[in-house]
N, C-alpha and C. Protein backbone atom coordinates (compact mmCIF):
# COMPACT_ATOMS: atom_id res chain seq x y z
N MET A 1 -33.44 -47.21 7.81
CA MET A 1 -33.29 -47.56 9.17
C MET A 1 -33.75 -46.38 10.07
N ARG A 2 -34.50 -46.68 11.01
CA ARG A 2 -35.01 -45.63 12.00
C ARG A 2 -34.20 -45.67 13.25
N VAL A 3 -33.83 -44.54 13.74
CA VAL A 3 -33.11 -44.34 14.99
C VAL A 3 -34.04 -43.95 16.16
N SER A 4 -34.00 -44.68 17.15
CA SER A 4 -34.85 -44.41 18.37
C SER A 4 -34.41 -43.04 19.02
N PRO A 5 -35.37 -42.37 19.65
CA PRO A 5 -34.95 -41.02 20.35
C PRO A 5 -33.92 -41.33 21.39
N SER A 6 -34.02 -42.52 22.16
CA SER A 6 -33.05 -42.82 23.21
C SER A 6 -31.64 -43.04 22.64
N SER A 7 -31.64 -43.64 21.48
CA SER A 7 -30.26 -43.88 20.84
C SER A 7 -29.65 -42.54 20.38
N LEU A 8 -30.48 -41.71 19.82
CA LEU A 8 -30.10 -40.38 19.55
C LEU A 8 -29.53 -39.57 20.70
N LEU A 9 -30.23 -39.67 21.80
CA LEU A 9 -29.83 -38.91 22.98
C LEU A 9 -28.54 -39.45 23.53
N VAL A 10 -28.40 -40.75 23.44
CA VAL A 10 -27.02 -41.38 23.93
C VAL A 10 -25.91 -40.84 23.02
N ALA A 11 -26.12 -40.81 21.69
CA ALA A 11 -25.06 -40.38 20.74
C ALA A 11 -24.73 -38.95 20.99
N LEU A 12 -25.75 -38.12 21.29
CA LEU A 12 -25.45 -36.78 21.55
C LEU A 12 -24.76 -36.58 22.94
N LEU A 13 -25.06 -37.23 23.89
CA LEU A 13 -24.37 -37.22 25.14
C LEU A 13 -22.90 -37.61 25.06
N ILE A 14 -22.62 -38.61 24.10
CA ILE A 14 -21.21 -39.13 23.87
C ILE A 14 -20.50 -38.00 23.14
N ALA A 15 -21.17 -37.35 22.29
CA ALA A 15 -20.42 -36.44 21.36
C ALA A 15 -20.31 -35.08 22.00
N LEU A 16 -21.15 -34.77 23.08
CA LEU A 16 -21.10 -33.32 23.69
C LEU A 16 -19.70 -32.99 24.27
N PRO A 17 -19.00 -33.86 24.97
CA PRO A 17 -17.66 -33.48 25.52
C PRO A 17 -16.71 -32.99 24.37
N ALA A 18 -16.81 -33.74 23.25
CA ALA A 18 -15.90 -33.42 22.16
C ALA A 18 -16.29 -32.12 21.49
N VAL A 19 -17.61 -31.82 21.51
CA VAL A 19 -17.97 -30.49 20.79
C VAL A 19 -17.64 -29.33 21.78
N THR A 20 -17.79 -29.50 23.08
CA THR A 20 -17.42 -28.41 24.00
C THR A 20 -16.00 -28.14 24.08
N SER A 21 -15.19 -29.27 24.01
CA SER A 21 -13.75 -29.03 24.07
C SER A 21 -13.24 -28.45 22.74
N ALA A 22 -13.87 -28.75 21.67
CA ALA A 22 -13.44 -28.15 20.32
C ALA A 22 -13.74 -26.58 20.29
N GLN A 23 -14.85 -26.24 21.00
CA GLN A 23 -15.22 -24.81 21.00
C GLN A 23 -14.37 -24.13 22.11
N ALA A 24 -13.83 -24.71 23.04
CA ALA A 24 -13.03 -24.12 24.04
C ALA A 24 -11.64 -23.69 23.47
N THR A 25 -11.16 -24.47 22.51
CA THR A 25 -9.85 -24.18 21.92
C THR A 25 -10.08 -23.35 20.55
N PRO A 26 -9.47 -22.19 20.52
CA PRO A 26 -9.65 -21.51 19.32
C PRO A 26 -9.17 -22.22 18.00
N ALA A 27 -10.09 -22.13 16.99
CA ALA A 27 -9.78 -22.93 15.83
C ALA A 27 -8.62 -22.21 15.06
N SER A 28 -8.49 -21.02 15.28
CA SER A 28 -7.40 -20.27 14.43
C SER A 28 -6.20 -19.83 15.29
N ALA A 29 -5.83 -20.64 16.28
CA ALA A 29 -4.72 -20.36 17.06
C ALA A 29 -3.46 -20.25 16.32
N PRO A 30 -2.70 -19.19 16.46
CA PRO A 30 -1.49 -18.94 15.60
C PRO A 30 -0.50 -20.08 15.80
N PRO A 31 0.25 -20.53 14.81
CA PRO A 31 1.28 -21.60 15.03
C PRO A 31 2.39 -20.94 15.84
N MET A 32 2.98 -21.88 16.64
CA MET A 32 4.09 -21.48 17.40
C MET A 32 5.38 -21.45 16.53
N HIS A 33 6.10 -20.43 16.76
CA HIS A 33 7.46 -20.23 15.89
C HIS A 33 8.51 -20.20 16.88
N PRO A 34 9.66 -20.64 16.46
CA PRO A 34 10.87 -20.52 17.35
C PRO A 34 11.20 -19.01 17.56
N LYS A 35 11.78 -18.81 18.73
CA LYS A 35 12.21 -17.42 18.97
C LYS A 35 13.25 -16.95 17.91
N PRO A 36 12.95 -15.76 17.38
CA PRO A 36 13.92 -15.30 16.40
C PRO A 36 15.27 -14.87 16.84
N ALA A 37 16.24 -14.93 16.05
CA ALA A 37 17.61 -14.41 16.49
C ALA A 37 17.63 -12.95 16.77
N GLN A 38 18.56 -12.53 17.65
CA GLN A 38 18.72 -11.07 17.99
C GLN A 38 19.04 -10.35 16.72
N LEU A 39 18.47 -9.17 16.61
CA LEU A 39 18.68 -8.24 15.51
C LEU A 39 19.98 -7.50 15.84
N PRO A 40 20.71 -6.93 14.82
CA PRO A 40 21.85 -6.05 15.09
C PRO A 40 21.42 -4.83 15.92
N ALA A 41 22.44 -4.36 16.66
CA ALA A 41 22.24 -3.21 17.56
C ALA A 41 21.75 -1.97 16.84
N ASP A 42 22.03 -1.80 15.55
CA ASP A 42 21.61 -0.63 14.81
C ASP A 42 20.41 -0.86 13.97
N SER A 43 19.57 -1.80 14.40
CA SER A 43 18.41 -2.13 13.63
C SER A 43 17.37 -1.07 13.37
N LEU A 44 17.15 -0.24 14.49
CA LEU A 44 16.26 0.89 14.38
C LEU A 44 16.76 1.95 13.37
N GLU A 45 18.03 2.21 13.47
CA GLU A 45 18.66 3.18 12.54
C GLU A 45 18.38 2.68 11.01
N ARG A 46 18.72 1.44 10.84
CA ARG A 46 18.58 0.74 9.60
C ARG A 46 17.18 0.89 9.07
N ALA A 47 16.26 0.53 9.88
CA ALA A 47 14.86 0.47 9.50
C ALA A 47 14.36 1.84 9.15
N ARG A 48 14.80 2.83 9.86
CA ARG A 48 14.35 4.34 9.58
C ARG A 48 15.04 4.66 8.27
N LYS A 49 16.24 4.36 8.01
CA LYS A 49 16.96 4.72 6.78
C LYS A 49 16.25 3.94 5.59
N TRP A 50 15.95 2.69 5.83
CA TRP A 50 15.26 1.99 4.62
C TRP A 50 14.01 2.60 4.31
N THR A 51 13.25 2.97 5.37
CA THR A 51 11.85 3.67 5.23
C THR A 51 12.04 5.04 4.37
N MET A 52 13.11 5.79 4.73
CA MET A 52 13.28 7.02 4.00
C MET A 52 13.63 6.71 2.46
N TRP A 53 14.48 5.70 2.31
CA TRP A 53 14.75 5.24 0.90
C TRP A 53 13.56 4.81 0.22
N LEU A 54 12.66 4.15 0.84
CA LEU A 54 11.42 3.71 0.25
C LEU A 54 10.60 4.87 -0.17
N TYR A 55 10.49 5.93 0.79
CA TYR A 55 9.66 7.01 0.53
C TYR A 55 10.18 7.87 -0.60
N THR A 56 11.55 7.87 -0.83
CA THR A 56 12.13 8.80 -1.73
C THR A 56 12.68 8.06 -3.01
N SER A 57 12.15 6.77 -3.21
CA SER A 57 12.56 5.95 -4.32
C SER A 57 14.12 5.80 -4.61
N GLN A 58 14.83 5.63 -3.50
CA GLN A 58 16.23 5.40 -3.66
C GLN A 58 16.39 3.84 -3.69
N ASN A 59 15.99 3.38 -4.84
CA ASN A 59 15.88 1.94 -5.10
C ASN A 59 17.19 1.24 -5.13
N ASP A 60 18.19 1.87 -5.68
CA ASP A 60 19.56 1.22 -5.76
C ASP A 60 20.02 0.97 -4.39
N SER A 61 19.89 1.97 -3.46
CA SER A 61 20.32 1.76 -2.07
C SER A 61 19.52 0.65 -1.30
N LEU A 62 18.21 0.79 -1.53
CA LEU A 62 17.34 -0.22 -0.85
C LEU A 62 17.52 -1.64 -1.38
N PHE A 63 17.82 -1.73 -2.66
CA PHE A 63 18.02 -3.04 -3.29
C PHE A 63 19.27 -3.63 -2.75
N ALA A 64 20.25 -2.84 -2.41
CA ALA A 64 21.54 -3.41 -1.94
C ALA A 64 21.40 -3.96 -0.43
N GLN A 65 20.24 -3.72 0.20
CA GLN A 65 20.13 -4.16 1.48
C GLN A 65 19.22 -5.51 1.56
N LEU A 66 18.74 -5.88 0.36
CA LEU A 66 17.84 -7.04 0.35
C LEU A 66 18.69 -8.34 0.49
N ASP A 67 18.10 -9.27 1.27
CA ASP A 67 18.84 -10.74 1.36
C ASP A 67 18.66 -11.33 -0.03
N SER A 68 19.27 -12.37 -0.27
CA SER A 68 19.31 -13.18 -1.52
C SER A 68 17.93 -13.59 -1.97
N GLY A 69 17.11 -13.99 -1.05
CA GLY A 69 15.82 -14.50 -1.47
C GLY A 69 14.96 -13.42 -1.97
N PHE A 70 14.89 -12.32 -1.26
CA PHE A 70 14.01 -11.21 -1.61
C PHE A 70 14.59 -10.53 -2.93
N LYS A 71 15.93 -10.48 -3.01
CA LYS A 71 16.60 -9.88 -4.20
C LYS A 71 16.22 -10.77 -5.50
N ALA A 72 16.16 -12.07 -5.37
CA ALA A 72 15.78 -12.88 -6.52
C ALA A 72 14.41 -12.62 -6.92
N GLY A 73 13.45 -12.31 -6.05
CA GLY A 73 12.12 -12.13 -6.39
C GLY A 73 12.04 -10.72 -7.01
N VAL A 74 12.70 -9.75 -6.62
CA VAL A 74 12.65 -8.32 -7.07
C VAL A 74 13.42 -8.23 -8.42
N GLU A 75 14.44 -8.94 -8.44
CA GLU A 75 15.40 -9.06 -9.62
C GLU A 75 16.34 -7.81 -9.90
N THR A 76 15.94 -6.61 -9.93
CA THR A 76 16.70 -5.45 -10.22
C THR A 76 16.18 -4.32 -9.29
N PRO A 77 17.10 -3.37 -9.10
CA PRO A 77 16.62 -2.14 -8.36
C PRO A 77 15.34 -1.56 -8.89
N LYS A 78 15.09 -1.70 -10.17
CA LYS A 78 13.90 -1.10 -10.84
C LYS A 78 12.69 -1.79 -10.26
N GLY A 79 12.85 -3.06 -9.82
CA GLY A 79 11.80 -3.89 -9.25
C GLY A 79 11.29 -3.34 -7.94
N MET A 80 12.03 -2.48 -7.27
CA MET A 80 11.56 -1.85 -6.09
C MET A 80 10.69 -0.75 -6.32
N ASP A 81 10.57 -0.25 -7.61
CA ASP A 81 9.64 0.88 -7.97
C ASP A 81 8.21 0.58 -7.62
N ASP A 82 7.80 -0.66 -7.71
CA ASP A 82 6.37 -0.95 -7.32
C ASP A 82 5.94 -0.60 -5.99
N PHE A 83 6.87 -0.85 -5.00
CA PHE A 83 6.66 -0.53 -3.59
C PHE A 83 6.53 1.00 -3.41
N ALA A 84 7.47 1.68 -3.95
CA ALA A 84 7.47 3.11 -3.87
C ALA A 84 6.31 3.83 -4.52
N ILE A 85 6.00 3.27 -5.71
CA ILE A 85 4.83 3.89 -6.46
C ILE A 85 3.52 3.56 -5.76
N GLN A 86 3.41 2.37 -5.22
CA GLN A 86 2.24 2.12 -4.47
C GLN A 86 1.99 2.98 -3.31
N LEU A 87 3.11 3.10 -2.61
CA LEU A 87 2.99 3.98 -1.34
C LEU A 87 2.63 5.41 -1.74
N ALA A 88 3.30 5.97 -2.70
CA ALA A 88 3.05 7.34 -3.11
C ALA A 88 1.67 7.53 -3.64
N THR A 89 1.17 6.55 -4.51
CA THR A 89 -0.09 6.63 -5.04
C THR A 89 -1.22 6.50 -4.10
N ASP A 90 -1.13 5.48 -3.10
CA ASP A 90 -2.10 5.16 -2.26
C ASP A 90 -2.18 6.11 -1.01
N ALA A 91 -0.98 6.45 -0.52
CA ALA A 91 -0.88 7.14 0.72
C ALA A 91 -0.44 8.61 0.63
N GLY A 92 0.25 9.02 -0.40
CA GLY A 92 0.76 10.40 -0.48
C GLY A 92 2.17 10.44 0.32
N SER A 93 2.29 11.49 1.01
CA SER A 93 3.48 11.76 1.87
C SER A 93 3.25 11.61 3.20
N GLU A 94 4.19 11.20 4.02
CA GLU A 94 4.08 11.04 5.40
C GLU A 94 4.00 12.39 6.04
N ILE A 95 3.06 12.53 6.91
CA ILE A 95 2.90 13.84 7.67
C ILE A 95 3.50 13.72 9.06
N LYS A 96 3.09 12.59 9.82
CA LYS A 96 3.48 12.52 11.26
C LYS A 96 3.68 11.09 11.57
N VAL A 97 4.84 10.69 12.30
CA VAL A 97 4.95 9.39 12.79
C VAL A 97 4.27 9.24 14.05
N ILE A 98 3.37 8.30 14.23
CA ILE A 98 2.63 7.95 15.46
C ILE A 98 3.37 7.04 16.37
N GLY A 99 4.15 6.09 15.79
CA GLY A 99 4.83 5.15 16.59
C GLY A 99 5.75 4.19 15.75
N GLU A 100 6.66 3.63 16.51
CA GLU A 100 7.63 2.75 15.80
C GLU A 100 7.90 1.58 16.83
N LYS A 101 7.99 0.35 16.27
CA LYS A 101 8.18 -0.80 17.18
C LYS A 101 8.61 -1.96 16.39
N PHE A 102 9.34 -2.74 17.08
CA PHE A 102 9.71 -4.22 16.47
C PHE A 102 8.80 -5.21 17.03
N ILE A 103 8.23 -6.04 16.16
CA ILE A 103 7.34 -7.09 16.46
C ILE A 103 7.85 -8.37 15.92
N THR A 104 7.37 -9.52 16.33
CA THR A 104 7.69 -10.82 15.75
C THR A 104 6.35 -11.21 15.12
N ARG A 105 6.48 -11.65 13.85
CA ARG A 105 5.33 -12.19 13.02
C ARG A 105 5.84 -13.33 12.18
N ASN A 106 5.12 -14.51 12.25
CA ASN A 106 5.59 -15.66 11.63
C ASN A 106 7.00 -16.08 11.84
N GLY A 107 7.46 -15.79 13.11
CA GLY A 107 8.83 -16.13 13.59
C GLY A 107 9.85 -15.21 13.06
N LYS A 108 9.55 -14.07 12.43
CA LYS A 108 10.49 -13.10 11.90
C LYS A 108 10.27 -11.70 12.51
N ARG A 109 11.36 -10.94 12.65
CA ARG A 109 11.29 -9.70 13.21
C ARG A 109 10.94 -8.71 12.21
N GLN A 110 10.02 -7.75 12.60
CA GLN A 110 9.51 -6.70 11.70
C GLN A 110 9.50 -5.37 12.37
N TYR A 111 10.01 -4.37 11.63
CA TYR A 111 9.79 -2.94 12.09
C TYR A 111 8.45 -2.40 11.61
N TRP A 112 7.64 -2.01 12.53
CA TRP A 112 6.40 -1.35 12.14
C TRP A 112 6.41 0.17 12.42
N ARG A 113 6.25 0.98 11.33
CA ARG A 113 6.34 2.39 11.51
C ARG A 113 4.79 2.78 11.21
N THR A 114 4.20 3.39 12.13
CA THR A 114 2.76 3.78 12.00
C THR A 114 2.78 5.27 11.84
N ALA A 115 2.15 5.84 10.75
CA ALA A 115 2.16 7.33 10.52
C ALA A 115 0.96 7.69 9.82
N THR A 116 0.66 8.99 9.92
CA THR A 116 -0.42 9.63 9.03
C THR A 116 0.16 10.06 7.74
N PHE A 117 -0.64 9.99 6.71
CA PHE A 117 -0.21 10.39 5.38
C PHE A 117 -1.16 11.38 4.70
N THR A 118 -0.75 12.07 3.73
CA THR A 118 -1.63 13.16 3.14
C THR A 118 -2.89 12.61 2.51
N SER A 119 -2.87 11.41 1.93
CA SER A 119 -3.99 10.98 1.13
C SER A 119 -4.85 9.88 1.82
N LEU A 120 -4.60 9.68 3.09
CA LEU A 120 -5.29 8.59 3.88
C LEU A 120 -5.96 9.19 5.03
N SER A 121 -7.16 8.73 5.34
CA SER A 121 -7.80 9.21 6.50
C SER A 121 -7.48 8.36 7.76
N GLU A 122 -6.78 7.26 7.53
CA GLU A 122 -6.43 6.31 8.67
C GLU A 122 -4.99 6.24 8.55
N PRO A 123 -4.28 6.07 9.77
CA PRO A 123 -2.80 5.83 9.68
C PRO A 123 -2.47 4.66 8.99
N LEU A 124 -1.22 4.60 8.44
CA LEU A 124 -0.68 3.51 7.67
C LEU A 124 0.48 2.91 8.39
N VAL A 125 0.65 1.61 8.31
CA VAL A 125 1.70 0.87 8.99
C VAL A 125 2.55 0.37 7.84
N VAL A 126 3.81 0.92 7.79
CA VAL A 126 4.81 0.43 6.86
C VAL A 126 5.66 -0.70 7.68
N ARG A 127 5.71 -1.94 7.02
CA ARG A 127 6.32 -3.09 7.73
C ARG A 127 7.54 -3.52 6.93
N LEU A 128 8.60 -3.56 7.72
CA LEU A 128 9.91 -3.99 7.14
C LEU A 128 10.37 -5.22 7.82
N VAL A 129 10.54 -6.38 7.16
CA VAL A 129 11.02 -7.57 7.78
C VAL A 129 12.50 -7.62 7.71
N MET A 130 13.19 -7.85 8.92
CA MET A 130 14.64 -7.81 8.91
C MET A 130 15.17 -9.07 9.43
N SER A 131 16.26 -9.56 8.82
CA SER A 131 16.91 -10.71 9.26
C SER A 131 17.95 -10.49 10.41
N ALA A 132 18.36 -11.52 11.08
CA ALA A 132 19.35 -11.33 12.14
C ALA A 132 20.73 -10.82 11.60
N LYS A 133 20.92 -10.93 10.20
CA LYS A 133 22.14 -10.36 9.59
C LYS A 133 22.00 -8.86 9.34
N GLY A 134 20.80 -8.36 9.56
CA GLY A 134 20.47 -6.95 9.30
C GLY A 134 20.17 -6.71 7.81
N GLU A 135 19.57 -7.71 7.19
CA GLU A 135 19.17 -7.53 5.74
C GLU A 135 17.58 -7.43 5.76
N LEU A 136 17.18 -6.82 4.57
CA LEU A 136 15.73 -6.57 4.47
C LEU A 136 15.28 -7.79 3.69
N VAL A 137 14.19 -8.46 4.33
CA VAL A 137 13.72 -9.73 3.76
C VAL A 137 12.20 -9.59 3.32
N GLY A 138 11.68 -8.49 3.46
CA GLY A 138 10.27 -8.33 3.07
C GLY A 138 9.82 -6.83 3.41
N ILE A 139 8.71 -6.52 2.67
CA ILE A 139 8.17 -5.19 2.86
C ILE A 139 6.58 -5.43 2.78
N GLY A 140 5.90 -4.65 3.65
CA GLY A 140 4.51 -4.68 3.59
C GLY A 140 3.82 -3.36 4.10
N MET A 141 2.61 -3.12 3.68
CA MET A 141 1.97 -1.90 4.11
C MET A 141 0.47 -2.23 4.34
N ASN A 142 -0.10 -1.61 5.39
CA ASN A 142 -1.52 -1.91 5.73
C ASN A 142 -2.12 -0.57 6.45
N PRO A 143 -3.23 -0.36 6.20
CA PRO A 143 -3.98 0.57 7.06
C PRO A 143 -3.84 0.06 8.58
N LEU A 144 -3.80 0.86 9.49
CA LEU A 144 -3.79 0.46 10.88
C LEU A 144 -4.91 -0.52 11.32
N SER A 145 -5.99 -0.44 10.81
CA SER A 145 -7.03 -1.26 11.12
C SER A 145 -6.97 -2.67 10.53
N GLN A 146 -6.03 -2.83 9.62
CA GLN A 146 -5.93 -4.12 8.91
C GLN A 146 -4.54 -4.61 8.98
N VAL A 147 -3.78 -4.44 10.08
CA VAL A 147 -2.48 -4.99 10.22
C VAL A 147 -2.67 -6.45 10.54
N PRO A 148 -1.72 -7.33 10.06
CA PRO A 148 -1.81 -8.82 10.26
C PRO A 148 -1.50 -9.05 11.64
N PRO A 149 -1.91 -10.33 12.12
CA PRO A 149 -1.67 -10.70 13.51
C PRO A 149 -0.14 -10.89 13.71
N ILE A 150 0.19 -10.60 15.11
CA ILE A 150 1.60 -10.86 15.41
C ILE A 150 1.67 -12.13 16.18
N ASP A 151 2.93 -12.58 16.34
CA ASP A 151 3.10 -13.93 17.17
C ASP A 151 2.77 -13.60 18.68
N PRO A 152 2.37 -14.60 19.36
CA PRO A 152 2.12 -14.38 20.82
C PRO A 152 3.47 -14.26 21.61
């Protein structure tokens, strides 16, 4: 079957509004999440303490702060060793804190501590996910240039 040039032109003109509107909306728009519950008043103190425990491999203390879901995945305080070992091996020791903030990512509150480390040329962001109950529900680390996107 042969398509005439005029039929092709009509088809393109019909499709053009759909193409331009598809390009106008970002394909990777982040999903909307409900506003997270308020964190406990001492959240910054908790996050700083947890970070120090992570840095110094105080795994029993850190494990006691995990929520039940995270605890089930880690299983024992010894399971926290992987986080501490990875941090020490990849980054070394913290030299200077550049900044601290709480952000919302995937509908959950996270403490982000950005610091320089002895073994890295780029600052590292240690991320601690905290529940409204004040429990630790996740840990992450990224170079500053590779932090994940936050909620709008």
